[in-house]
Amino acid sequence: MMSDKPLPSLDDGTITITLGDETLSLVPSIGAIKAISREFGGLTQAMSRVLGMDFPAYVTVIRYGCGADDRLAKRLERLVWKARMVTLTGALNQYLLILANGGQPLDQAADEGEDEGGDGDEDGEGNPPQAAGA
């Protein structure tokens, strides 16, 4: 039997989280990265505070990530607290990494960059190119 709880979605860089009965999408955008960077003094500081389980940091990242209106923003503190912060840490950190990666999931960026750097990995499997006649 499948769970009704949505899993984080990484197809387009959007992360889906559940806070009680609310399902929110954290959408990577220029507006979100600017607001979060401004609020924390950069993404590294935002990540550090999320990984340090700083409660206001969770609320702030979620607010800007989902583009919460004033009504939802006022309810976010209680929703985040009730959702248990430990269940949100991974998703929020992943969202911040996606923002830092131009809105793209990290694994997608790695796939797109394979064999474009002239690293000698001709077949994409870690094997160097074979000499002619070998």
N, C-alpha and C. Protein backbone atom coordinates (compact mmCIF):
# COMPACT_ATOMS: atom_id res chain seq x y z
N MET A 1 0.83 -1.17 0.00
CA MET A 1 0.00 0.00 0.00
C MET A 1 0.88 1.24 0.00
N MET A 2 0.57 2.20 -0.85
CA MET A 2 1.36 3.42 -0.96
C MET A 2 0.93 4.43 0.09
N SER A 3 1.89 5.19 0.55
CA SER A 3 1.63 6.24 1.52
C SER A 3 1.02 7.45 0.82
N ASP A 4 0.16 8.16 1.53
CA ASP A 4 -0.42 9.39 1.00
C ASP A 4 0.54 10.56 1.09
N LYS A 5 1.61 10.37 1.84
CA LYS A 5 2.58 11.45 2.04
C LYS A 5 3.44 11.59 0.79
N PRO A 6 3.42 12.79 0.15
CA PRO A 6 4.23 12.96 -1.06
C PRO A 6 5.72 12.93 -0.75
N LEU A 7 6.46 12.36 -1.68
CA LEU A 7 7.91 12.32 -1.56
C LEU A 7 8.49 13.59 -2.17
N PRO A 8 9.68 13.98 -1.74
CA PRO A 8 10.30 15.14 -2.37
C PRO A 8 10.42 14.93 -3.87
N SER A 9 10.04 15.93 -4.63
CA SER A 9 10.12 15.86 -6.08
C SER A 9 11.36 16.60 -6.55
N LEU A 10 12.20 15.91 -7.33
CA LEU A 10 13.43 16.52 -7.80
C LEU A 10 13.47 16.68 -9.31
N ASP A 11 12.37 16.36 -10.00
CA ASP A 11 12.37 16.38 -11.45
C ASP A 11 12.77 17.74 -12.01
N ASP A 12 12.20 18.81 -11.49
CA ASP A 12 12.47 20.13 -12.01
C ASP A 12 13.15 21.02 -10.98
N GLY A 13 13.65 20.44 -9.93
CA GLY A 13 14.27 21.21 -8.87
C GLY A 13 13.32 21.58 -7.75
N THR A 14 12.04 21.31 -7.93
CA THR A 14 11.04 21.61 -6.91
C THR A 14 11.06 20.53 -5.84
N ILE A 15 11.02 20.96 -4.59
CA ILE A 15 10.96 20.04 -3.45
C ILE A 15 9.57 20.17 -2.84
N THR A 16 8.91 19.06 -2.62
CA THR A 16 7.59 19.05 -2.00
C THR A 16 7.73 18.59 -0.56
N ILE A 17 7.18 19.37 0.37
CA ILE A 17 7.21 19.01 1.78
C ILE A 17 5.78 18.99 2.32
N THR A 18 5.59 18.26 3.40
CA THR A 18 4.29 18.19 4.05
C THR A 18 4.41 18.74 5.46
N LEU A 19 3.56 19.71 5.76
CA LEU A 19 3.49 20.29 7.10
C LEU A 19 2.07 20.07 7.59
N GLY A 20 1.87 19.02 8.37
CA GLY A 20 0.51 18.69 8.82
C GLY A 20 -0.35 18.33 7.63
N ASP A 21 -1.45 19.08 7.45
CA ASP A 21 -2.35 18.85 6.32
C ASP A 21 -1.96 19.66 5.09
N GLU A 22 -0.94 20.50 5.22
CA GLU A 22 -0.50 21.36 4.12
C GLU A 22 0.62 20.69 3.33
N THR A 23 0.48 20.65 2.02
CA THR A 23 1.55 20.20 1.15
C THR A 23 2.05 21.44 0.41
N LEU A 24 3.34 21.71 0.58
CA LEU A 24 3.92 22.91 -0.01
C LEU A 24 5.02 22.54 -0.99
N SER A 25 5.14 23.31 -2.05
CA SER A 25 6.20 23.13 -3.04
C SER A 25 7.22 24.24 -2.88
N LEU A 26 8.46 23.84 -2.64
CA LEU A 26 9.56 24.80 -2.59
C LEU A 26 10.12 24.88 -4.00
N VAL A 27 9.87 25.99 -4.65
CA VAL A 27 10.21 26.15 -6.06
C VAL A 27 11.47 27.00 -6.18
N PRO A 28 12.49 26.49 -6.86
CA PRO A 28 13.69 27.30 -7.06
C PRO A 28 13.39 28.47 -7.99
N SER A 29 13.77 29.67 -7.54
CA SER A 29 13.54 30.86 -8.35
C SER A 29 14.57 31.92 -7.97
N ILE A 30 14.72 32.89 -8.85
CA ILE A 30 15.63 33.99 -8.56
C ILE A 30 15.13 34.77 -7.34
N GLY A 31 13.83 34.96 -7.25
CA GLY A 31 13.27 35.66 -6.10
C GLY A 31 13.60 34.95 -4.79
N ALA A 32 13.48 33.61 -4.78
CA ALA A 32 13.77 32.84 -3.57
C ALA A 32 15.24 32.92 -3.20
N ILE A 33 16.14 32.76 -4.17
CA ILE A 33 17.56 32.79 -3.84
C ILE A 33 17.98 34.18 -3.36
N LYS A 34 17.43 35.23 -3.96
CA LYS A 34 17.77 36.58 -3.52
C LYS A 34 17.28 36.83 -2.10
N ALA A 35 16.04 36.45 -1.81
CA ALA A 35 15.46 36.70 -0.48
C ALA A 35 16.20 35.90 0.59
N ILE A 36 16.47 34.63 0.31
CA ILE A 36 17.17 33.78 1.29
C ILE A 36 18.60 34.27 1.49
N SER A 37 19.29 34.60 0.41
CA SER A 37 20.66 35.11 0.52
C SER A 37 20.70 36.40 1.33
N ARG A 38 19.76 37.27 1.06
CA ARG A 38 19.70 38.55 1.78
C ARG A 38 19.40 38.32 3.27
N GLU A 39 18.48 37.43 3.55
CA GLU A 39 18.07 37.15 4.94
C GLU A 39 19.22 36.59 5.78
N PHE A 40 20.04 35.71 5.18
CA PHE A 40 21.07 35.00 5.93
C PHE A 40 22.49 35.49 5.65
N GLY A 41 22.66 36.35 4.67
CA GLY A 41 24.01 36.77 4.30
C GLY A 41 24.69 35.77 3.40
N GLY A 42 23.92 34.99 2.66
CA GLY A 42 24.45 34.01 1.72
C GLY A 42 23.85 32.63 1.95
N LEU A 43 23.97 31.79 0.92
CA LEU A 43 23.40 30.44 1.01
C LEU A 43 24.17 29.55 1.97
N THR A 44 25.48 29.75 2.08
CA THR A 44 26.26 28.94 3.00
C THR A 44 25.76 29.13 4.43
N GLN A 45 25.48 30.37 4.80
CA GLN A 45 24.97 30.64 6.13
C GLN A 45 23.57 30.05 6.31
N ALA A 46 22.75 30.11 5.27
CA ALA A 46 21.41 29.52 5.35
C ALA A 46 21.52 28.01 5.57
N MET A 47 22.41 27.36 4.81
CA MET A 47 22.60 25.91 4.96
C MET A 47 23.10 25.57 6.36
N SER A 48 24.05 26.36 6.83
CA SER A 48 24.60 26.12 8.16
C SER A 48 23.51 26.21 9.23
N ARG A 49 22.65 27.19 9.10
CA ARG A 49 21.59 27.35 10.10
C ARG A 49 20.54 26.26 9.98
N VAL A 50 20.23 25.82 8.77
CA VAL A 50 19.29 24.71 8.61
C VAL A 50 19.90 23.43 9.19
N LEU A 51 21.16 23.15 8.87
CA LEU A 51 21.81 21.95 9.39
C LEU A 51 21.98 22.03 10.90
N GLY A 52 22.06 23.25 11.43
CA GLY A 52 22.14 23.45 12.88
C GLY A 52 20.77 23.43 13.54
N MET A 53 19.74 23.14 12.77
CA MET A 53 18.35 23.03 13.23
C MET A 53 17.87 24.32 13.88
N ASP A 54 18.19 25.44 13.25
CA ASP A 54 17.74 26.75 13.69
C ASP A 54 16.29 26.94 13.23
N PHE A 55 15.37 26.97 14.19
CA PHE A 55 13.94 27.02 13.89
C PHE A 55 13.55 28.20 12.98
N PRO A 56 13.95 29.43 13.30
CA PRO A 56 13.58 30.53 12.40
C PRO A 56 14.13 30.36 10.98
N ALA A 57 15.27 29.70 10.83
CA ALA A 57 15.82 29.46 9.50
C ALA A 57 14.90 28.54 8.70
N TYR A 58 14.37 27.51 9.33
CA TYR A 58 13.44 26.61 8.65
C TYR A 58 12.24 27.41 8.13
N VAL A 59 11.66 28.21 9.01
CA VAL A 59 10.48 28.98 8.66
C VAL A 59 10.78 29.93 7.51
N THR A 60 11.91 30.59 7.56
CA THR A 60 12.29 31.56 6.53
C THR A 60 12.50 30.89 5.18
N VAL A 61 13.24 29.78 5.15
CA VAL A 61 13.49 29.08 3.88
C VAL A 61 12.17 28.59 3.28
N ILE A 62 11.31 28.04 4.10
CA ILE A 62 10.02 27.55 3.60
C ILE A 62 9.18 28.72 3.10
N ARG A 63 9.16 29.81 3.84
CA ARG A 63 8.35 30.97 3.43
C ARG A 63 8.76 31.45 2.05
N TYR A 64 10.06 31.67 1.85
CA TYR A 64 10.51 32.19 0.56
C TYR A 64 10.47 31.11 -0.52
N GLY A 65 10.71 29.87 -0.15
CA GLY A 65 10.70 28.78 -1.13
C GLY A 65 9.33 28.51 -1.72
N CYS A 66 8.29 28.65 -0.89
CA CYS A 66 6.94 28.37 -1.41
C CYS A 66 6.21 29.65 -1.79
N GLY A 67 6.85 30.81 -1.55
CA GLY A 67 6.20 32.07 -1.89
C GLY A 67 4.96 32.30 -1.04
N ALA A 68 5.06 32.00 0.24
CA ALA A 68 3.90 32.07 1.14
C ALA A 68 3.30 33.47 1.18
N ASP A 69 1.98 33.53 1.11
CA ASP A 69 1.30 34.80 1.30
C ASP A 69 1.31 35.11 2.81
N ASP A 70 0.87 36.30 3.17
CA ASP A 70 0.93 36.72 4.57
C ASP A 70 0.14 35.79 5.49
N ARG A 71 -0.97 35.29 5.00
CA ARG A 71 -1.82 34.40 5.82
C ARG A 71 -1.08 33.10 6.16
N LEU A 72 -0.47 32.48 5.15
CA LEU A 72 0.28 31.25 5.38
C LEU A 72 1.53 31.54 6.19
N ALA A 73 2.19 32.64 5.91
CA ALA A 73 3.43 32.99 6.62
C ALA A 73 3.19 33.06 8.12
N LYS A 74 2.04 33.57 8.53
CA LYS A 74 1.72 33.66 9.96
C LYS A 74 1.51 32.29 10.59
N ARG A 75 1.11 31.31 9.81
CA ARG A 75 0.86 29.96 10.32
C ARG A 75 2.08 29.05 10.22
N LEU A 76 3.10 29.47 9.47
CA LEU A 76 4.24 28.59 9.21
C LEU A 76 4.96 28.15 10.48
N GLU A 77 5.14 29.02 11.43
CA GLU A 77 5.87 28.64 12.64
C GLU A 77 5.23 27.43 13.31
N ARG A 78 3.94 27.49 13.51
CA ARG A 78 3.24 26.36 14.15
C ARG A 78 3.29 25.11 13.28
N LEU A 79 3.11 25.28 11.97
CA LEU A 79 3.14 24.13 11.05
C LEU A 79 4.51 23.46 11.06
N VAL A 80 5.58 24.25 11.02
CA VAL A 80 6.93 23.69 11.02
C VAL A 80 7.20 22.98 12.34
N TRP A 81 6.82 23.58 13.43
CA TRP A 81 7.05 22.98 14.75
C TRP A 81 6.31 21.65 14.87
N LYS A 82 5.07 21.62 14.45
CA LYS A 82 4.27 20.39 14.53
C LYS A 82 4.76 19.31 13.56
N ALA A 83 5.37 19.71 12.46
CA ALA A 83 5.84 18.75 11.46
C ALA A 83 7.10 18.02 11.91
N ARG A 84 7.72 18.48 12.97
CA ARG A 84 8.97 17.93 13.50
C ARG A 84 10.13 18.31 12.58
N MET A 85 10.96 19.15 13.08
CA MET A 85 12.07 19.70 12.31
C MET A 85 12.98 18.61 11.75
N VAL A 86 13.19 17.54 12.49
CA VAL A 86 14.11 16.50 12.02
C VAL A 86 13.64 15.89 10.70
N THR A 87 12.35 15.95 10.43
CA THR A 87 11.84 15.39 9.18
C THR A 87 12.02 16.34 8.00
N LEU A 88 12.35 17.59 8.28
CA LEU A 88 12.45 18.61 7.23
C LEU A 88 13.89 18.96 6.84
N THR A 89 14.85 18.63 7.68
CA THR A 89 16.23 19.06 7.48
C THR A 89 16.77 18.67 6.11
N GLY A 90 16.62 17.42 5.72
CA GLY A 90 17.16 16.95 4.44
C GLY A 90 16.53 17.66 3.25
N ALA A 91 15.21 17.83 3.28
CA ALA A 91 14.52 18.47 2.17
C ALA A 91 14.92 19.94 2.04
N LEU A 92 15.05 20.63 3.17
CA LEU A 92 15.42 22.05 3.12
C LEU A 92 16.86 22.23 2.65
N ASN A 93 17.76 21.37 3.12
CA ASN A 93 19.14 21.45 2.66
C ASN A 93 19.22 21.15 1.16
N GLN A 94 18.48 20.15 0.70
CA GLN A 94 18.46 19.82 -0.73
C GLN A 94 17.95 21.00 -1.54
N TYR A 95 16.92 21.68 -1.04
CA TYR A 95 16.38 22.85 -1.74
C TYR A 95 17.44 23.95 -1.85
N LEU A 96 18.16 24.20 -0.78
CA LEU A 96 19.20 25.23 -0.81
C LEU A 96 20.32 24.85 -1.79
N LEU A 97 20.67 23.58 -1.86
CA LEU A 97 21.67 23.13 -2.83
C LEU A 97 21.18 23.32 -4.26
N ILE A 98 19.91 23.05 -4.49
CA ILE A 98 19.32 23.24 -5.81
C ILE A 98 19.35 24.72 -6.19
N LEU A 99 19.04 25.59 -5.23
CA LEU A 99 19.12 27.03 -5.51
C LEU A 99 20.54 27.40 -5.93
N ALA A 100 21.53 26.87 -5.21
CA ALA A 100 22.93 27.18 -5.51
C ALA A 100 23.36 26.61 -6.86
N ASN A 101 22.61 25.63 -7.34
CA ASN A 101 22.93 24.97 -8.61
C ASN A 101 22.07 25.51 -9.76
N GLY A 102 21.66 26.75 -9.65
CA GLY A 102 20.89 27.37 -10.72
C GLY A 102 19.49 26.81 -10.87
N GLY A 103 18.93 26.25 -9.80
CA GLY A 103 17.58 25.72 -9.84
C GLY A 103 17.48 24.30 -10.36
N GLN A 104 18.62 23.69 -10.66
CA GLN A 104 18.63 22.33 -11.21
C GLN A 104 19.04 21.32 -10.15
N PRO A 105 18.41 20.15 -10.16
CA PRO A 105 18.84 19.09 -9.24
C PRO A 105 20.31 18.77 -9.47
N LEU A 106 21.02 18.43 -8.41
CA LEU A 106 22.45 18.18 -8.50
C LEU A 106 22.79 17.02 -9.41
N ASP A 107 22.04 15.94 -9.35
CA ASP A 107 22.34 14.78 -10.20
C ASP A 107 22.13 15.11 -11.67
N GLN A 108 21.19 15.97 -11.98
CA GLN A 108 20.95 16.35 -13.37
C GLN A 108 22.12 17.17 -13.91
N ALA A 109 22.65 18.06 -13.11
CA ALA A 109 23.79 18.88 -13.55
C ALA A 109 25.01 18.00 -13.80
N ALA A 110 25.21 16.98 -12.96
CA ALA A 110 26.35 16.08 -13.14
C ALA A 110 26.19 15.28 -14.43
N ASP A 111 24.96 14.82 -14.71
CA ASP A 111 24.71 14.06 -15.92
C ASP A 111 24.97 14.90 -17.17
N GLU A 112 24.55 16.17 -17.14
CA GLU A 112 24.72 17.04 -18.30
C GLU A 112 26.18 17.38 -18.55
N GLY A 113 27.02 17.37 -17.50
CA GLY A 113 28.41 17.76 -17.64
C GLY A 113 29.34 16.62 -17.96
N GLU A 114 28.85 15.37 -18.01
CA GLU A 114 29.73 14.23 -18.26
C GLU A 114 30.37 14.31 -19.63
N ASP A 115 31.63 14.00 -19.67
CA ASP A 115 32.41 13.90 -20.89
C ASP A 115 32.49 15.19 -21.70
N GLU A 116 32.17 16.30 -21.09
CA GLU A 116 32.31 17.56 -21.80
C GLU A 116 33.58 18.28 -21.40
N GLY A 117 34.25 17.79 -20.36
CA GLY A 117 35.41 18.48 -19.85
C GLY A 117 36.72 17.97 -20.41
N GLY A 118 36.69 17.04 -21.33
CA GLY A 118 37.91 16.52 -21.90
C GLY A 118 38.76 15.80 -20.87
N ASP A 119 38.11 15.01 -20.02
CA ASP A 119 38.84 14.32 -18.96
C ASP A 119 39.41 12.98 -19.42
N GLY A 120 39.23 12.65 -20.70
CA GLY A 120 39.76 11.40 -21.22
C GLY A 120 38.87 10.21 -20.96
N ASP A 121 37.71 10.42 -20.40
CA ASP A 121 36.78 9.34 -20.10
C ASP A 121 35.83 9.20 -21.29
N GLU A 122 36.32 8.55 -22.31
CA GLU A 122 35.62 8.51 -23.58
C GLU A 122 34.29 7.79 -23.52
N ASP A 123 34.19 6.69 -22.77
CA ASP A 123 32.96 5.91 -22.77
C ASP A 123 32.03 6.24 -21.62
N GLY A 124 32.37 7.21 -20.76
CA GLY A 124 31.51 7.62 -19.67
C GLY A 124 31.47 6.65 -18.51
N GLU A 125 32.32 5.64 -18.52
CA GLU A 125 32.32 4.64 -17.46
C GLU A 125 33.63 4.62 -16.70
N GLY A 126 34.39 5.66 -16.79
CA GLY A 126 35.65 5.75 -16.06
C GLY A 126 36.82 5.10 -16.76
N ASN A 127 36.62 4.66 -18.02
CA ASN A 127 37.69 4.01 -18.77
C ASN A 127 38.35 5.01 -19.71
N PRO A 128 39.67 5.06 -19.73
CA PRO A 128 40.34 5.97 -20.65
C PRO A 128 40.15 5.51 -22.09
N PRO A 129 40.31 6.43 -23.05
CA PRO A 129 40.18 6.02 -24.45
C PRO A 129 41.25 5.01 -24.82
N GLN A 130 40.89 4.11 -25.72
CA GLN A 130 41.83 3.08 -26.17
C GLN A 130 42.67 3.62 -27.34
N ALA A 131 43.92 3.26 -27.35
CA ALA A 131 44.81 3.63 -28.44
C ALA A 131 44.39 2.90 -29.70
N ALA A 132 44.61 3.50 -30.86
CA ALA A 132 44.24 2.87 -32.12
C ALA A 132 45.00 1.54 -32.26
N GLY A 133 44.25 0.52 -32.65
CA GLY A 133 44.85 -0.79 -32.87
C GLY A 133 45.06 -1.59 -31.58
N ALA A 134 44.59 -1.07 -30.43
CA ALA A 134 44.79 -1.80 -29.18
C ALA A 134 43.67 -2.76 -28.91
